[in-house]
Amino acid sequence: MWQWLTTIALLAGLAAVPALCREDDVPMPDLGQTWTEIGGVVYGAKADATGPLGGGAGYTRIVTDGQHQVKTPEELVEALAKAQAGEVVFIDPQAELDFTTLVYAEKLVLKVPGGVTIASNRGQDGSPGALICSDAFQSRPLFVTLGPDVRFSGLRLRGPDPKRRMDHHRRSFSSGREAKDASAYYYAFPVSEGIRADHPGLQVDNCDVSGWSHGAIHLSLGDRHHIHHNYIHHNQYHGLGYGVVHGYGANSVSLIEYNVFDYNRHSIAGPGKPGNAYEASNNVELGHANGHYFDMHGGADRGDGTTIAGDWMKVHHNTFVLSEQAAVVIRGVPQQLADIHHNWFAHPAPDKPVRPWPVGGETHVQCRDNAYGRDKPAVLGP
């Protein structure tokens, strides 16, 4: 059952990358079967009719044209200034739009009007999709929404920093500095974000997103966010490093599904304030995170005197079988319920993959009907 997983581990961990290439300059591996069936019931991540896990070849909603045609960074800036709701800004599949100098020289942030789609054709006839990138560490964010229902589709979005930078974290917090000075030293090194949603309804689909040291996709505010069929990887800066991170706004609510995650510190994270909530389903973790996979902070992290860890979480039909590190950590008590079910864990027993933070009393965490074990998966009790 798990030979395909062993193959992925070898490819991801041992395959030589050319010396001058970035560590995130790797294609998404062939996943094979990502779910197991026990007693006629599916556990783990299974593709849907829209396309394969992680998007790419076989994705059925590939965008191939638009009202605005773009081949250069300047043309993208011009197109976003003119685009109206309902229109598509299509980036030529052969284009490589490098915004490094514009971020440094002009402090550029690309502002996307509400209802506008930015797209390329990742997956069509083998196309990797257009590349949008910045090597400026100050890219925070590169894109921001100006209104609701913005969509990014079929793109490669590459940030400046795919590294863990453990040495900087160690110098910051393990050198005897006072807490305030340690934090100031840590944040003196700028961090980056790919997309920041300040409005509801952000959709990111069929994209390859990597190299953003704070977060690849920052759902700062709003509900109805839908992050699906993406390959999200190498967002792993130690202390931050999120694939999808929820924000501190009045609400931040999302559906995160059919993605492939790898080499993130946390693939999904939330600060856990009231109004935070997410559903994560049919995602695959490839086993190289430098922290637990899915996260929700609690009141102790925010220092607000509460134990609140968001409103709710739904974590189901995900595959976590390439590593026995913690899969879901909830660092407080959700105001409603964290319902965790029909996932496939590498862990042989239920007491390791899901960790409610020990704050005392009711955890509001329900962990049920999951499959445990890599070789001979079995459904065990809570």
Protein backbone atom coordinates (compact mmCIF):
# COMPACT_ATOMS: atom_id res chain seq x y z
CA MET A 1 0.00 0.00 0.00
CA TRP A 2 2.75 2.48 0.77
CA GLN A 3 5.41 1.70 -1.84
CA TRP A 4 4.43 4.88 -3.67
CA LEU A 5 5.09 6.82 -0.46
CA THR A 6 8.57 5.38 -0.15
CA THR A 7 9.28 6.41 -3.73
CA ILE A 8 8.14 9.98 -3.02
CA ALA A 9 10.26 10.16 0.11
CA LEU A 10 13.34 9.09 -1.81
CA LEU A 11 12.64 11.52 -4.63
CA ALA A 12 11.95 14.45 -2.32
CA GLY A 13 14.71 13.76 0.17
CA LEU A 14 17.55 12.33 -1.91
CA ALA A 15 17.18 13.46 -5.50
CA ALA A 16 20.06 15.73 -6.44
CA VAL A 17 19.10 19.28 -7.36
CA PRO A 18 21.55 21.10 -9.67
CA ALA A 19 23.99 23.11 -7.56
CA LEU A 20 22.85 26.54 -8.72
CA CYS A 21 19.11 25.81 -8.52
CA ARG A 22 16.98 26.90 -5.61
CA GLU A 23 15.83 24.14 -3.30
CA ASP A 24 12.20 24.82 -4.21
CA ASP A 25 12.89 24.51 -7.93
CA VAL A 26 11.44 21.01 -8.06
CA PRO A 27 8.35 19.64 -9.82
CA MET A 28 5.52 18.14 -7.85
CA PRO A 29 6.16 14.37 -7.60
CA ASP A 30 3.83 11.70 -8.92
CA LEU A 31 1.63 10.85 -5.94
CA GLY A 32 0.14 7.51 -6.89
CA GLN A 33 -2.62 6.32 -4.55
CA THR A 34 -3.08 8.66 -1.63
CA TRP A 35 -5.95 7.00 0.22
CA THR A 36 -6.82 3.69 1.76
CA GLU A 37 -10.17 1.90 1.92
CA ILE A 38 -11.22 -0.05 4.99
CA GLY A 39 -14.60 -1.74 5.17
CA GLY A 40 -15.77 0.16 2.11
CA VAL A 41 -14.93 3.54 3.68
CA VAL A 42 -12.27 5.89 2.29
CA TYR A 43 -9.62 7.35 4.60
CA GLY A 44 -7.16 9.95 3.38
CA ALA A 45 -7.08 12.26 0.37
CA LYS A 46 -8.78 11.36 -2.88
CA ALA A 47 -8.96 13.49 -6.03
CA ASP A 48 -12.28 14.88 -7.18
CA ALA A 49 -13.78 15.45 -10.63
CA THR A 50 -12.16 18.89 -10.86
CA GLY A 51 -8.71 17.37 -11.22
CA PRO A 52 -5.75 15.72 -9.50
CA LEU A 53 -4.49 16.55 -6.05
CA GLY A 54 -2.14 19.51 -6.40
CA GLY A 55 -3.54 20.50 -9.80
CA GLY A 56 -1.54 20.42 -13.03
CA ALA A 57 -2.17 17.97 -15.88
CA GLY A 58 -5.79 16.83 -15.83
CA TYR A 59 -7.15 19.89 -14.03
CA THR A 60 -10.48 20.74 -15.66
CA ARG A 61 -10.72 24.47 -14.94
CA ILE A 62 -7.56 25.68 -16.66
CA VAL A 63 -7.82 29.27 -17.90
CA THR A 64 -6.40 29.71 -21.42
CA ASP A 65 -7.24 33.31 -22.40
CA GLY A 66 -8.33 36.65 -21.04
CA GLN A 67 -9.38 40.22 -21.75
CA HIS A 68 -5.88 41.44 -20.87
CA GLN A 69 -2.76 39.76 -22.30
CA VAL A 70 0.48 40.11 -20.32
CA LYS A 71 4.12 39.21 -21.03
CA THR A 72 6.12 41.64 -18.87
CA PRO A 73 6.01 43.05 -15.33
CA GLU A 74 5.06 46.48 -16.68
CA GLU A 75 2.18 45.01 -18.66
CA LEU A 76 0.84 43.29 -15.55
CA VAL A 77 0.94 46.55 -13.59
CA GLU A 78 -0.88 48.29 -16.45
CA ALA A 79 -3.47 45.51 -16.79
CA LEU A 80 -4.32 45.55 -13.08
CA ALA A 81 -4.89 49.31 -13.26
CA LYS A 82 -7.53 48.77 -15.99
CA ALA A 83 -9.09 45.40 -15.18
CA GLN A 84 -12.74 45.30 -14.13
CA ALA A 85 -14.67 42.73 -12.11
CA GLY A 86 -15.33 39.61 -14.16
CA GLU A 87 -12.28 40.08 -16.38
CA VAL A 88 -9.20 37.86 -16.71
CA VAL A 89 -5.61 39.05 -16.82
CA PHE A 90 -3.90 36.23 -18.72
CA ILE A 91 -0.13 35.85 -18.44
CA ASP A 92 1.69 34.25 -21.34
CA PRO A 93 2.75 30.72 -20.35
CA GLN A 94 6.35 31.41 -21.47
CA ALA A 95 6.62 34.61 -19.42
CA GLU A 96 8.81 35.06 -16.36
CA LEU A 97 7.74 38.19 -14.54
CA ASP A 98 10.45 39.19 -12.06
CA PHE A 99 9.40 42.00 -9.71
CA THR A 100 12.58 42.12 -7.62
CA THR A 101 13.84 45.51 -8.74
CA LEU A 102 10.39 47.10 -8.65
CA VAL A 103 9.87 45.97 -5.06
CA TYR A 104 13.24 47.44 -4.04
CA ALA A 105 13.07 50.63 -6.12
CA GLU A 106 9.36 51.45 -5.86
CA LYS A 107 8.18 49.36 -2.89
CA LEU A 108 5.75 47.86 -5.36
CA VAL A 109 2.69 45.93 -4.20
CA LEU A 110 0.51 44.52 -6.96
CA LYS A 111 -3.09 45.50 -6.19
CA VAL A 112 -5.80 43.28 -7.64
CA PRO A 113 -9.31 44.77 -8.06
CA GLY A 114 -12.25 42.80 -6.76
CA GLY A 115 -13.64 40.16 -9.08
CA VAL A 116 -10.50 40.02 -11.26
CA THR A 117 -8.73 36.77 -12.18
CA ILE A 118 -4.97 36.54 -12.75
CA ALA A 119 -4.25 33.33 -14.62
CA SER A 120 -1.94 31.24 -16.72
CA ASN A 121 -2.29 27.68 -18.03
CA ARG A 122 -0.47 25.35 -15.63
CA GLY A 123 -1.20 21.78 -16.70
CA GLN A 124 -2.26 22.43 -20.28
CA ASP A 125 -0.18 20.28 -22.66
CA GLY A 126 2.55 20.02 -20.05
CA SER A 127 2.83 23.75 -19.40
CA PRO A 128 4.18 24.71 -15.95
CA GLY A 129 2.34 28.04 -16.22
CA ALA A 130 3.79 31.54 -16.19
CA LEU A 131 6.28 32.41 -13.44
CA ILE A 132 5.73 35.43 -11.21
CA CYS A 133 8.57 35.96 -8.77
CA SER A 134 10.41 38.35 -6.49
CA ASP A 135 13.80 37.88 -4.87
CA ALA A 136 13.29 40.93 -2.64
CA PHE A 137 12.96 39.85 0.98
CA GLN A 138 10.76 42.93 1.55
CA SER A 139 7.99 41.54 -0.67
CA ARG A 140 5.21 41.66 1.92
CA PRO A 141 2.97 41.13 0.15
CA LEU A 142 3.64 40.87 -3.56
CA PHE A 143 -0.12 40.79 -4.25
CA VAL A 144 -2.98 42.26 -2.20
CA THR A 145 -6.71 42.26 -2.94
CA LEU A 146 -8.63 45.50 -3.38
CA GLY A 147 -12.03 43.81 -3.26
CA PRO A 148 -13.81 40.47 -2.93
CA ASP A 149 -13.71 37.40 -5.17
CA VAL A 150 -10.20 37.70 -6.59
CA ARG A 151 -8.83 34.54 -8.23
CA PHE A 152 -5.29 33.33 -8.94
CA SER A 153 -5.16 30.28 -11.21
CA GLY A 154 -2.58 28.25 -13.12
CA LEU A 155 0.47 30.25 -12.02
CA ARG A 156 3.87 29.65 -10.50
CA LEU A 157 4.29 32.17 -7.69
CA ARG A 158 7.82 32.08 -6.29
CA GLY A 159 9.05 34.10 -3.33
CA PRO A 160 12.53 35.16 -2.24
CA ASP A 161 13.31 32.72 0.56
CA PRO A 162 12.70 28.95 0.52
CA LYS A 163 15.16 28.31 3.38
CA ARG A 164 14.54 27.40 7.02
CA ARG A 165 17.21 29.78 8.39
CA MET A 166 17.52 27.90 11.66
CA ASP A 167 20.75 29.80 12.42
CA HIS A 168 18.93 33.14 12.53
CA HIS A 169 16.22 31.75 14.81
CA ARG A 170 18.90 30.34 17.13
CA ARG A 171 20.81 33.63 17.27
CA SER A 172 17.55 35.45 18.01
CA PHE A 173 16.13 33.31 20.78
CA SER A 174 18.96 31.16 22.17
CA SER A 175 21.63 33.75 22.86
CA GLY A 176 20.47 35.14 26.22
CA ARG A 177 18.71 38.19 24.81
CA GLU A 178 15.73 39.66 26.62
CA ALA A 179 12.46 38.59 25.00
CA LYS A 180 11.79 42.03 23.51
CA ASP A 181 15.32 42.30 22.10
CA ALA A 182 15.20 38.74 20.76
CA SER A 183 11.98 39.47 18.87
CA ALA A 184 13.37 42.72 17.47
CA TYR A 185 16.51 40.93 16.28
CA TYR A 186 14.45 38.16 14.68
CA TYR A 187 12.18 40.57 12.78
CA ALA A 188 15.10 42.74 11.66
CA PHE A 189 15.44 40.21 8.85
CA PRO A 190 12.45 41.00 6.58
CA VAL A 191 9.91 38.34 5.73
CA SER A 192 7.73 37.92 2.66
CA GLU A 193 4.17 37.07 1.63
CA GLY A 194 2.90 35.97 -1.77
CA ILE A 195 -0.80 36.87 -1.68
CA ARG A 196 -2.66 38.76 1.03
CA ALA A 197 -6.45 38.72 1.04
CA ASP A 198 -7.98 41.73 2.78
CA HIS A 199 -11.44 40.89 1.42
CA PRO A 200 -13.66 37.79 1.28
CA GLY A 201 -13.79 35.16 -1.42
CA LEU A 202 -10.14 34.76 -2.45
CA GLN A 203 -9.68 31.71 -4.67
CA VAL A 204 -6.25 30.24 -5.37
CA ASP A 205 -6.35 27.15 -7.57
CA ASN A 206 -4.01 25.08 -9.75
CA CYS A 207 -0.96 27.08 -8.67
CA ASP A 208 2.60 26.17 -7.63
CA VAL A 209 3.48 28.45 -4.70
CA SER A 210 6.83 28.45 -2.88
CA GLY A 211 9.51 30.51 -1.17
CA TRP A 212 7.47 32.89 1.00
CA SER A 213 9.00 33.17 4.46
CA HIS A 214 6.00 34.48 6.40
CA GLY A 215 3.22 32.91 4.37
CA ALA A 216 2.52 31.91 0.79
CA ILE A 217 -1.19 32.78 1.08
CA HIS A 218 -2.24 35.11 3.91
CA LEU A 219 -5.99 35.17 4.51
CA SER A 220 -5.82 38.38 6.49
CA LEU A 221 -9.55 39.07 6.55
CA GLY A 222 -12.83 37.76 5.22
CA ASP A 223 -14.70 34.50 4.74
CA ARG A 224 -15.45 32.24 1.73
CA HIS A 225 -11.76 31.81 0.90
CA HIS A 226 -11.13 28.71 -1.22
CA ILE A 227 -7.60 27.35 -1.62
CA HIS A 228 -7.63 24.20 -3.74
CA HIS A 229 -5.68 21.96 -6.13
CA ASN A 230 -2.31 23.68 -5.50
CA TYR A 231 1.24 22.53 -4.84
CA ILE A 232 2.33 24.63 -1.83
CA HIS A 233 5.89 24.00 -0.67
CA HIS A 234 9.15 25.41 0.75
CA ASN A 235 7.52 28.10 2.87
CA GLN A 236 9.51 27.06 5.92
CA TYR A 237 11.29 29.99 7.58
CA HIS A 238 11.66 28.88 11.19
CA GLY A 239 9.33 30.69 13.58
CA LEU A 240 6.94 31.61 10.76
CA GLY A 241 6.80 29.70 7.47
CA TYR A 242 3.18 28.99 6.53
CA GLY A 243 1.58 27.61 3.39
CA VAL A 244 -1.82 29.12 4.22
CA VAL A 245 -2.07 31.44 7.23
CA HIS A 246 -5.20 33.05 8.61
CA GLY A 247 -5.14 36.61 9.88
CA TYR A 248 -6.09 38.79 12.82
CA GLY A 249 -9.10 40.43 11.19
CA ALA A 250 -12.64 40.28 12.53
CA ASN A 251 -13.01 36.98 10.71
CA SER A 252 -10.85 34.73 8.57
CA VAL A 253 -12.60 31.59 7.33
CA SER A 254 -11.52 29.22 4.57
CA LEU A 255 -11.94 25.92 2.76
CA ILE A 256 -8.55 24.34 1.97
CA GLU A 257 -8.79 21.18 -0.11
CA TYR A 258 -7.10 18.94 -2.72
CA ASN A 259 -3.67 20.51 -2.16
CA VAL A 260 -0.24 18.90 -1.93
CA PHE A 261 1.95 20.33 0.85
CA ASP A 262 5.66 19.85 1.50
CA TYR A 263 8.55 21.64 3.24
CA ASN A 264 6.38 24.16 5.07
CA ARG A 265 6.82 24.92 8.75
CA HIS A 266 3.06 24.67 9.15
CA SER A 267 1.07 24.04 5.99
CA ILE A 268 -2.05 25.60 7.54
CA ALA A 269 -2.00 27.98 10.51
CA GLY A 270 -4.28 30.34 12.36
CA PRO A 271 -3.69 32.88 15.14
CA GLY A 272 -6.78 31.44 16.82
CA LYS A 273 -8.58 34.66 17.68
CA PRO A 274 -12.40 34.56 17.63
CA GLY A 275 -13.50 34.54 13.99
CA ASN A 276 -10.75 32.16 12.84
CA ALA A 277 -11.99 28.90 11.32
CA TYR A 278 -11.06 26.52 8.54
CA GLU A 279 -12.01 23.27 6.87
CA ALA A 280 -9.09 21.21 5.54
CA SER A 281 -9.94 18.17 3.47
CA ASN A 282 -8.33 15.87 0.89
CA ASN A 283 -4.86 17.37 1.29
CA VAL A 284 -1.60 15.38 1.18
CA GLU A 285 1.49 16.07 3.29
CA LEU A 286 4.73 14.74 1.79
CA GLY A 287 6.51 14.58 5.14
CA HIS A 288 9.19 17.28 5.24
CA ALA A 289 7.65 20.00 7.40
CA ASN A 290 9.83 21.50 10.13
CA GLY A 291 6.88 21.67 12.50
CA HIS A 292 3.46 20.13 12.88
CA TYR A 293 1.35 20.23 9.74
CA PHE A 294 -1.96 21.92 10.64
CA ASP A 295 -2.09 24.47 13.44
CA MET A 296 -4.38 26.74 15.42
CA HIS A 297 -2.86 29.11 18.00
CA GLY A 298 -4.42 29.76 21.39
CA GLY A 299 -4.76 32.70 23.73
CA ALA A 300 -1.37 32.10 25.33
CA ASP A 301 0.29 32.70 21.95
CA ARG A 302 -1.56 35.99 21.56
CA GLY A 303 -1.15 36.99 25.20
CA ASP A 304 -4.81 38.02 25.45
CA GLY A 305 -5.58 36.19 28.71
CA THR A 306 -7.85 33.58 27.12
CA THR A 307 -7.51 29.95 26.04
CA ILE A 308 -9.45 30.50 22.78
CA ALA A 309 -8.17 28.64 19.70
CA GLY A 310 -10.45 30.00 16.98
CA ASP A 311 -14.11 29.25 16.37
CA TRP A 312 -13.93 25.78 14.78
CA MET A 313 -11.88 23.40 12.65
CA LYS A 314 -12.92 20.57 10.33
CA VAL A 315 -9.99 18.34 9.40
CA HIS A 316 -10.99 15.29 7.37
CA HIS A 317 -9.84 12.99 4.56
CA ASN A 318 -6.23 14.18 4.66
CA THR A 319 -3.15 11.97 4.23
CA PHE A 320 -0.29 12.23 6.74
CA VAL A 321 1.61 8.98 6.19
CA LEU A 322 5.17 10.00 5.31
CA SER A 323 6.12 11.12 8.79
CA GLU A 324 5.06 10.44 12.37
CA GLN A 325 5.43 14.05 13.45
CA ALA A 326 2.34 15.69 14.90
CA ALA A 327 -0.30 16.29 12.25
CA VAL A 328 -2.74 18.65 13.99
CA VAL A 329 -1.89 20.82 17.01
CA ILE A 330 -4.58 22.97 18.62
CA ARG A 331 -2.96 25.34 21.10
CA GLY A 332 -6.05 26.16 23.12
CA VAL A 333 -9.79 25.47 23.10
CA PRO A 334 -11.95 26.15 20.01
CA GLN A 335 -15.11 28.06 20.87
CA GLN A 336 -17.15 25.44 19.02
CA LEU A 337 -15.56 22.16 17.89
CA ALA A 338 -12.49 20.78 16.16
CA ASP A 339 -13.81 17.71 14.32
CA ILE A 340 -11.02 15.46 13.02
CA HIS A 341 -12.10 12.37 11.09
CA HIS A 342 -11.41 10.03 8.14
CA ASN A 343 -7.76 11.04 7.92
CA TRP A 344 -4.93 8.56 7.31
CA PHE A 345 -2.07 8.90 9.79
CA ALA A 346 1.33 7.19 9.81
CA HIS A 347 1.12 6.90 13.59
CA PRO A 348 0.24 3.40 14.82
CA ALA A 349 -1.95 4.71 17.67
CA PRO A 350 -4.42 7.59 18.13
CA ASP A 351 -2.56 9.35 20.96
CA LYS A 352 0.17 11.00 18.82
CA PRO A 353 -1.03 12.65 15.59
CA VAL A 354 -3.53 15.10 17.13
CA ARG A 355 -2.50 17.23 20.11
CA PRO A 356 -4.92 19.46 21.97
CA TRP A 357 -2.87 21.93 24.02
CA PRO A 358 -3.00 21.10 27.75
CA VAL A 359 -4.98 24.03 29.12
CA GLY A 360 -7.22 22.03 31.46
CA GLY A 361 -10.91 21.16 31.20
CA GLU A 362 -12.84 20.47 28.00
CA THR A 363 -10.74 20.53 24.81
CA HIS A 364 -13.61 20.79 22.31
CA VAL A 365 -11.62 18.38 20.12
CA GLN A 366 -13.34 15.36 18.60
CA CYS A 367 -10.99 12.86 16.98
CA ARG A 368 -12.92 9.94 15.46
CA ASP A 369 -13.00 7.41 12.62
CA ASN A 370 -9.40 7.83 11.44
CA ALA A 371 -7.02 5.25 9.96
CA TYR A 372 -3.69 4.65 11.70
CA GLY A 373 -0.55 2.95 10.45
CA ARG A 374 1.43 3.16 7.24
CA ASP A 375 1.73 -0.52 6.29
CA LYS A 376 -1.47 -2.01 7.62
CA PRO A 377 -3.82 0.86 8.29
CA ALA A 378 -6.56 0.21 10.83
CA VAL A 379 -9.41 2.26 12.23
CA LEU A 380 -8.90 2.67 15.96
CA GLY A 381 -10.81 4.24 18.81
CA PRO A 382 -10.39 7.88 19.90
